[in-house]
C-alpha atoms as a PDB file:
ATOM      1  CA  UNK A   1      65.649  24.895 276.600  1.00  0.00           C
ATOM      2  CA  UNK A   2      68.882  27.204 276.832  1.00  0.00           C
ATOM      3  CA  UNK A   3      70.169  30.053 278.775  1.00  0.00           C
ATOM      4  CA  UNK A   4      72.438  32.865 277.831  1.00  0.00           C
ATOM      5  CA  UNK A   5      75.237  33.825 280.376  1.00  0.00           C
ATOM      6  CA  UNK A   6      75.522  37.371 281.257  1.00  0.00           C
ATOM      7  CA  UNK A   7      78.161  37.404 283.950  1.00  0.00           C
ATOM      8  CA  UNK A   8      78.585  35.323 286.623  1.00  0.00           C
ATOM      9  CA  UNK A   9      76.121  32.408 287.619  1.00  0.00           C
ATOM     10  CA  UNK A  10      73.991  34.710 289.857  1.00  0.00           C
ATOM     11  CA  UNK A  11      73.364  37.215 286.891  1.00  0.00           C
ATOM     12  CA  UNK A  12      72.858  34.627 284.390  1.00  0.00           C
ATOM     13  CA  UNK A  13      69.814  35.377 281.668  1.00  0.00           C
ATOM     14  CA  UNK A  14      67.355  32.573 281.749  1.00  0.00           C
ATOM     15  CA  UNK A  15      65.506  31.767 278.567  1.00  0.00           C
ATOM     16  CA  UNK A  16      62.170  33.407 278.404  1.00  0.00           C
ATOM     17  CA  UNK A  17      60.277  30.043 278.111  1.00  0.00           C
ATOM     18  CA  UNK A  18      61.467  28.869 281.420  1.00  0.00           C
ATOM     19  CA  UNK A  19      59.593  31.252 283.607  1.00  0.00           C
ATOM     20  CA  UNK A  20      56.075  31.517 282.087  1.00  0.00           C
ATOM     21  CA  UNK A  21      52.820  32.555 284.122  1.00  0.00           C
ATOM     22  CA  UNK A  22      50.022  30.595 284.352  1.00  0.00           C
ATOM     23  CA  UNK A  23      46.265  31.362 285.205  1.00  0.00           C
ATOM     24  CA  UNK A  24      43.227  28.990 285.046  1.00  0.00           C
ATOM     25  CA  UNK A  25      39.601  28.678 285.490  1.00  0.00           C
ATOM     26  CA  UNK A  26      37.025  25.714 285.637  1.00  0.00           C
ATOM     27  CA  UNK A  27      33.485  25.247 285.496  1.00  0.00           C
ATOM     28  CA  UNK A  28      30.826  22.688 284.925  1.00  0.00           C
ATOM     29  CA  UNK A  29      28.415  22.632 282.023  1.00  0.00           C
ATOM     30  CA  UNK A  30      25.492  22.609 282.112  1.00  0.00           C
ATOM     31  CA  UNK A  31      25.912  24.746 285.520  1.00  0.00           C
ATOM     32  CA  UNK A  32      24.550  23.410 288.982  1.00  0.00           C
ATOM     33  CA  UNK A  33      20.843  24.599 289.129  1.00  0.00           C
ATOM     34  CA  UNK A  34      20.157  27.555 291.587  1.00  0.00           C
ATOM     35  CA  UNK A  35      19.795  26.256 295.055  1.00  0.00           C
ATOM     36  CA  UNK A  36      15.925  26.531 296.307  1.00  0.00           C
ATOM     37  CA  UNK A  37      15.303  26.001 299.972  1.00  0.00           C
ATOM     38  CA  UNK A  38      12.535  23.469 300.757  1.00  0.00           C
ATOM     39  CA  UNK A  39       9.613  23.857 302.979  1.00  0.00           C
ATOM     40  CA  UNK A  40       9.934  21.647 306.217  1.00  0.00           C
ATOM     41  CA  UNK A  41       6.267  20.806 305.757  1.00  0.00           C
ATOM     42  CA  UNK A  42       6.886  18.803 302.625  1.00  0.00           C
ATOM     43  CA  UNK A  43       7.052  15.176 303.499  1.00  0.00           C
ATOM     44  CA  UNK A  44       7.602  13.897 300.229  1.00  0.00           C
ATOM     45  CA  UNK A  45      10.257  14.784 297.688  1.00  0.00           C
ATOM     46  CA  UNK A  46      10.619  13.755 294.170  1.00  0.00           C
ATOM     47  CA  UNK A  47      14.443  12.524 293.386  1.00  0.00           C
ATOM     48  CA  UNK A  48      16.082  15.439 291.475  1.00  0.00           C
ATOM     49  CA  UNK A  49      17.098  14.997 287.916  1.00  0.00           C
ATOM     50  CA  UNK A  50      20.611  14.062 287.635  1.00  0.00           C
ATOM     51  CA  UNK A  51      22.236  15.890 284.495  1.00  0.00           C
ATOM     52  CA  UNK A  52      25.356  14.696 282.752  1.00  0.00           C
ATOM     53  CA  UNK A  53      27.787  17.588 283.436  1.00  0.00           C
ATOM     54  CA  UNK A  54      31.013  17.994 281.583  1.00  0.00           C
ATOM     55  CA  UNK A  55      34.245  19.406 283.068  1.00  0.00           C
ATOM     56  CA  UNK A  56      35.595  22.340 281.527  1.00  0.00           C
ATOM     57  CA  UNK A  57      39.183  23.904 282.154  1.00  0.00           C
ATOM     58  CA  UNK A  58      40.715  27.056 280.741  1.00  0.00           C
ATOM     59  CA  UNK A  59      44.375  27.606 281.220  1.00  0.00           C
ATOM     60  CA  UNK A  60      46.231  30.765 280.293  1.00  0.00           C
ATOM     61  CA  UNK A  61      49.885  31.516 279.779  1.00  0.00           C
ATOM     62  CA  UNK A  62      52.021  33.978 278.350  1.00  0.00           C
ATOM     63  CA  UNK A  63      54.942  33.646 275.718  1.00  0.00           C
ATOM     64  CA  UNK A  64      57.332  35.540 273.825  1.00  0.00           C
ATOM     65  CA  UNK A  65      55.787  36.865 270.476  1.00  0.00           C
ATOM     66  CA  UNK A  66      57.368  35.351 267.492  1.00  0.00           C
ATOM     67  CA  UNK A  67      56.036  38.256 265.323  1.00  0.00           C
ATOM     68  CA  UNK A  68      57.840  41.267 263.833  1.00  0.00           C
ATOM     69  CA  UNK A  69      55.002  43.704 264.283  1.00  0.00           C
ATOM     70  CA  UNK A  70      54.929  43.296 268.025  1.00  0.00           C
ATOM     71  CA  UNK A  71      58.499  42.470 268.801  1.00  0.00           C
ATOM     72  CA  UNK A  72      59.572  42.384 272.311  1.00  0.00           C
ATOM     73  CA  UNK A  73      55.976  42.064 273.644  1.00  0.00           C
ATOM     74  CA  UNK A  74      54.573  38.929 275.073  1.00  0.00           C
ATOM     75  CA  UNK A  75      51.310  36.748 273.730  1.00  0.00           C
ATOM     76  CA  UNK A  76      48.490  35.740 276.186  1.00  0.00           C
ATOM     77  CA  UNK A  77      47.244  32.209 274.894  1.00  0.00           C
ATOM     78  CA  UNK A  78      44.477  29.944 275.910  1.00  0.00           C
ATOM     79  CA  UNK A  79      44.332  26.106 276.125  1.00  0.00           C
ATOM     80  CA  UNK A  80      41.263  24.261 276.849  1.00  0.00           C
ATOM     81  CA  UNK A  81      40.200  20.945 278.489  1.00  0.00           C
ATOM     82  CA  UNK A  82      36.643  19.356 278.518  1.00  0.00           C
ATOM     83  CA  UNK A  83      35.576  16.163 279.480  1.00  0.00           C
ATOM     84  CA  UNK A  84      34.684  15.039 275.918  1.00  0.00           C
ATOM     85  CA  UNK A  85      37.473  17.014 274.046  1.00  0.00           C
ATOM     86  CA  UNK A  86      40.361  16.454 276.190  1.00  0.00           C
ATOM     87  CA  UNK A  87      43.086  19.009 276.315  1.00  0.00           C
ATOM     88  CA  UNK A  88      43.223  21.102 273.002  1.00  0.00           C
ATOM     89  CA  UNK A  89      44.234  24.466 271.533  1.00  0.00           C
ATOM     90  CA  UNK A  90      41.270  26.250 270.231  1.00  0.00           C
ATOM     91  CA  UNK A  91      41.244  28.327 266.968  1.00  0.00           C
ATOM     92  CA  UNK A  92      40.652  31.607 268.732  1.00  0.00           C
ATOM     93  CA  UNK A  93      43.554  30.548 271.580  1.00  0.00           C
ATOM     94  CA  UNK A  94      45.260  34.232 271.230  1.00  0.00           C
ATOM     95  CA  UNK A  95      43.963  36.289 273.931  1.00  0.00           C
ATOM     96  CA  UNK A  96      46.284  39.265 273.787  1.00  0.00           C
ATOM     97  CA  UNK A  97      49.364  40.271 271.677  1.00  0.00           C
ATOM     98  CA  UNK A  98      50.499  43.357 273.759  1.00  0.00           C
ATOM     99  CA  UNK A  99      51.624  41.987 277.080  1.00  0.00           C
ATOM    100  CA  UNK A 100      54.578  43.196 278.705  1.00  0.00           C
ATOM    101  CA  UNK A 101      57.789  41.029 278.860  1.00  0.00           C
ATOM    102  CA  UNK A 102      57.123  38.430 281.548  1.00  0.00           C
ATOM    103  CA  UNK A 103      53.662  39.981 282.628  1.00  0.00           C
ATOM    104  CA  UNK A 104      51.845  37.981 284.938  1.00  0.00           C
ATOM    105  CA  UNK A 105      48.337  36.695 283.948  1.00  0.00           C
ATOM    106  CA  UNK A 106      45.029  36.234 286.347  1.00  0.00           C
ATOM    107  CA  UNK A 107      41.838  34.800 285.052  1.00  0.00           C
ATOM    108  CA  UNK A 108      38.165  35.158 286.433  1.00  0.00           C
ATOM    109  CA  UNK A 109      35.596  32.694 285.251  1.00  0.00           C
ATOM    110  CA  UNK A 110      31.888  34.136 285.293  1.00  0.00           C
ATOM    111  CA  UNK A 111      28.441  33.136 284.542  1.00  0.00           C
ATOM    112  CA  UNK A 112      25.463  35.454 283.712  1.00  0.00           C
ATOM    113  CA  UNK A 113      22.952  34.931 286.671  1.00  0.00           C
ATOM    114  CA  UNK A 114      19.660  33.017 285.562  1.00  0.00           C
ATOM    115  CA  UNK A 115      20.986  31.821 282.317  1.00  0.00           C
ATOM    116  CA  UNK A 116      20.030  28.209 281.855  1.00  0.00           C
ATOM    117  CA  UNK A 117      22.469  27.430 279.168  1.00  0.00           C
ATOM    118  CA  UNK A 118      25.301  28.315 281.227  1.00  0.00           C
ATOM    119  CA  UNK A 119      26.294  31.597 279.344  1.00  0.00           C
ATOM    120  CA  UNK A 120      29.168  32.981 280.635  1.00  0.00           C
ATOM    121  CA  UNK A 121      32.910  33.470 279.972  1.00  0.00           C
ATOM    122  CA  UNK A 122      36.267  34.582 280.961  1.00  0.00           C
ATOM    123  CA  UNK A 123      38.105  37.766 281.918  1.00  0.00           C
ATOM    124  CA  UNK A 124      41.873  37.865 281.796  1.00  0.00           C
ATOM    125  CA  UNK A 125      44.078  40.764 283.472  1.00  0.00           C
ATOM    126  CA  UNK A 126      47.731  41.161 282.454  1.00  0.00           C
ATOM    127  CA  UNK A 127      50.287  44.135 282.212  1.00  0.00           C
ATOM    128  CA  UNK A 128      50.690  45.624 278.687  1.00  0.00           C
ATOM    129  CA  UNK A 129      53.866  46.806 277.014  1.00  0.00           C
ATOM    130  CA  UNK A 130      53.317  50.495 278.287  1.00  0.00           C
ATOM    131  CA  UNK A 131      53.064  49.169 281.786  1.00  0.00           C
ATOM    132  CA  UNK A 132      49.265  49.407 282.206  1.00  0.00           C
ATOM    133  CA  UNK A 133      46.885  46.410 283.420  1.00  0.00           C
ATOM    134  CA  UNK A 134      44.449  45.298 280.732  1.00  0.00           C
ATOM    135  CA  UNK A 135      41.298  43.624 280.833  1.00  0.00           C
ATOM    136  CA  UNK A 136      40.206  41.171 277.967  1.00  0.00           C
ATOM    137  CA  UNK A 137      37.033  39.200 277.908  1.00  0.00           C
ATOM    138  CA  UNK A 138      35.439  36.253 275.930  1.00  0.00           C
ATOM    139  CA  UNK A 139      32.175  34.632 276.036  1.00  0.00           C
ATOM    140  CA  UNK A 140      32.140  30.855 276.771  1.00  0.00           C
ATOM    141  CA  UNK A 141      32.409  28.712 273.626  1.00  0.00           C
ATOM    142  CA  UNK A 142      31.712  24.827 274.059  1.00  0.00           C
ATOM    143  CA  UNK A 143      32.489  23.808 270.517  1.00  0.00           C
ATOM    144  CA  UNK A 144      35.443  25.572 269.164  1.00  0.00           C
ATOM    145  CA  UNK A 145      37.385  24.966 266.052  1.00  0.00           C
ATOM    146  CA  UNK A 146      40.345  22.990 267.117  1.00  0.00           C
ATOM    147  CA  UNK A 147      43.822  23.330 265.633  1.00  0.00           C
ATOM    148  CA  UNK A 148      45.030  20.635 263.612  1.00  0.00           C
ATOM    149  CA  UNK A 149      48.423  20.584 264.617  1.00  0.00           C
ATOM    150  CA  UNK A 150      50.055  21.677 267.732  1.00  0.00           C
ATOM    151  CA  UNK A 151      53.624  21.012 267.102  1.00  0.00           C
ATOM    152  CA  UNK A 152      54.245  22.547 263.550  1.00  0.00           C
ATOM    153  CA  UNK A 153      57.382  24.267 263.098  1.00  0.00           C
ATOM    154  CA  UNK A 154      56.734  28.170 263.082  1.00  0.00           C
ATOM    155  CA  UNK A 155      58.012  29.984 259.738  1.00  0.00           C
ATOM    156  CA  UNK A 156      60.631  32.820 259.963  1.00  0.00           C
ATOM    157  CA  UNK A 157      59.023  35.982 261.998  1.00  0.00           C
ATOM    158  CA  UNK A 158      58.788  38.126 258.838  1.00  0.00           C
ATOM    159  CA  UNK A 159      56.665  35.558 257.049  1.00  0.00           C
ATOM    160  CA  UNK A 160      54.079  35.217 259.860  1.00  0.00           C
ATOM    161  CA  UNK A 161      50.682  36.557 259.260  1.00  0.00           C
ATOM    162  CA  UNK A 162      49.646  38.338 262.516  1.00  0.00           C
ATOM    163  CA  UNK A 163      46.415  36.988 263.899  1.00  0.00           C
ATOM    164  CA  UNK A 164      43.856  39.132 265.593  1.00  0.00           C
ATOM    165  CA  UNK A 165      43.077  38.455 269.099  1.00  0.00           C
ATOM    166  CA  UNK A 166      39.505  37.296 269.230  1.00  0.00           C
ATOM    167  CA  UNK A 167      38.956  38.620 272.851  1.00  0.00           C
ATOM    168  CA  UNK A 168      37.386  42.215 273.698  1.00  0.00           C
ATOM    169  CA  UNK A 169      39.626  44.600 275.101  1.00  0.00           C
ATOM    170  CA  UNK A 170      38.331  46.943 277.570  1.00  0.00           C
ATOM    171  CA  UNK A 171      39.269  50.444 277.042  1.00  0.00           C
ATOM    172  CA  UNK A 172      41.326  52.445 279.585  1.00  0.00           C
ATOM    173  CA  UNK A 173      39.494  55.530 281.257  1.00  0.00           C
ATOM    174  CA  UNK A 174      41.018  58.670 282.219  1.00  0.00           C
ATOM    175  CA  UNK A 175      38.074  59.690 284.431  1.00  0.00           C
ATOM    176  CA  UNK A 176      36.973  58.876 287.956  1.00  0.00           C
ATOM    177  CA  UNK A 177      34.500  56.188 288.188  1.00  0.00           C
ATOM    178  CA  UNK A 178      32.505  58.533 290.809  1.00  0.00           C
ATOM    179  CA  UNK A 179      31.741  60.654 287.835  1.00  0.00           C
ATOM    180  CA  UNK A 180      29.694  57.973 285.898  1.00  0.00           C
ATOM    181  CA  UNK A 181      31.639  58.689 282.780  1.00  0.00           C
ATOM    182  CA  UNK A 182      32.655  56.001 280.573  1.00  0.00           C
ATOM    183  CA  UNK A 183      31.804  53.467 283.391  1.00  0.00           C
ATOM    184  CA  UNK A 184      32.641  50.249 281.313  1.00  0.00           C
ATOM    185  CA  UNK A 185      36.125  51.378 280.894  1.00  0.00           C
ATOM    186  CA  UNK A 186      39.052  50.121 283.060  1.00  0.00           C
ATOM    187  CA  UNK A 187      40.452  52.942 285.145  1.00  0.00           C
ATOM    188  CA  UNK A 188      43.720  54.549 284.434  1.00  0.00           C
ATOM    189  CA  UNK A 189      46.327  53.719 287.144  1.00  0.00           C
ATOM    190  CA  UNK A 190      49.896  54.033 287.686  1.00  0.00           C
ATOM    191  CA  UNK A 191      50.941  50.405 288.691  1.00  0.00           C
ATOM    192  CA  UNK A 192      54.605  49.301 289.380  1.00  0.00           C
ATOM    193  CA  UNK A 193      55.671  48.161 286.159  1.00  0.00           C
ATOM    194  CA  UNK A 194      56.914  44.922 287.280  1.00  0.00           C
ATOM    195  CA  UNK A 195      53.726  44.428 289.558  1.00  0.00           C
ATOM    196  CA  UNK A 196      52.076  40.868 289.921  1.00  0.00           C
ATOM    197  CA  UNK A 197      48.328  40.676 289.528  1.00  0.00           C
ATOM    198  CA  UNK A 198      45.476  39.149 291.352  1.00  0.00           C
ATOM    199  CA  UNK A 199      41.665  39.123 290.915  1.00  0.00           C
ATOM    200  CA  UNK A 200      38.623  38.087 292.746  1.00  0.00           C
ATOM    201  CA  UNK A 201      34.866  37.970 291.928  1.00  0.00           C
ATOM    202  CA  UNK A 202      32.784  38.877 294.758  1.00  0.00           C
ATOM    203  CA  UNK A 203      29.236  37.671 295.633  1.00  0.00           C
ATOM    204  CA  UNK A 204      27.762  40.695 294.410  1.00  0.00           C
ATOM    205  CA  UNK A 205      29.144  40.101 290.943  1.00  0.00           C
ATOM    206  CA  UNK A 206      32.098  42.972 291.142  1.00  0.00           C
ATOM    207  CA  UNK A 207      35.584  41.941 290.048  1.00  0.00           C
ATOM    208  CA  UNK A 208      38.405  43.281 292.150  1.00  0.00           C
ATOM    209  CA  UNK A 209      41.887  43.499 290.536  1.00  0.00           C
ATOM    210  CA  UNK A 210      44.807  43.889 292.995  1.00  0.00           C
ATOM    211  CA  UNK A 211      48.216  45.432 292.051  1.00  0.00           C
ATOM    212  CA  UNK A 212      51.157  47.104 293.506  1.00  0.00           C
ATOM    213  CA  UNK A 213      51.929  50.630 292.850  1.00  0.00           C
ATOM    214  CA  UNK A 214      54.954  52.631 292.327  1.00  0.00           C
ATOM    215  CA  UNK A 215      55.230  53.518 296.229  1.00  0.00           C
ATOM    216  CA  UNK A 216      55.129  49.658 296.622  1.00  0.00           C
ATOM    217  CA  UNK A 217      51.762  49.638 298.120  1.00  0.00           C
ATOM    218  CA  UNK A 218      49.067  47.238 296.962  1.00  0.00           C
END
């Protein structure tokens, strides 16, 4: 990696690839069965069936875009790990193509309650090029098409065919959530452009995204 000097050492401009943001989500498949309390009066219990579960990890990172159509933007991309497939880049690894330069990335894994097959997915949060937080969601896939080569040399930017992100983008809303209008949209807010992001999923299934606004409060 290289760096470009822009004045004295304290003001040196570090190469974009030396300060990437990472996020990750992990889960087991098949999922753990629901926890059922056992009556104390039961004296005999049958041994629980032990399922062979595979570990899955999804890692997300940002990187400068090599494309002309979104020059100056960052991409958010996904790398996967599974017990059987090990580390690999899926064919649908492009999460978003409109991230702000150096945007932070956070991930929340989720599972549909009561789904026997472990149906679920991941939600990714990042700052877009206009300074607004964005949410993208994708369903869990256990048999993705793996990219054949990870270390191929990229062609010139003007020769690249822009891919389409396979992740669904939540629309931004300009209405208050209390009105009930467009309740599925991400609320329009005015965050600090350089804010970091954090997200957590509470026991009631709600996802809470934390950010810093322009008066520096959270």
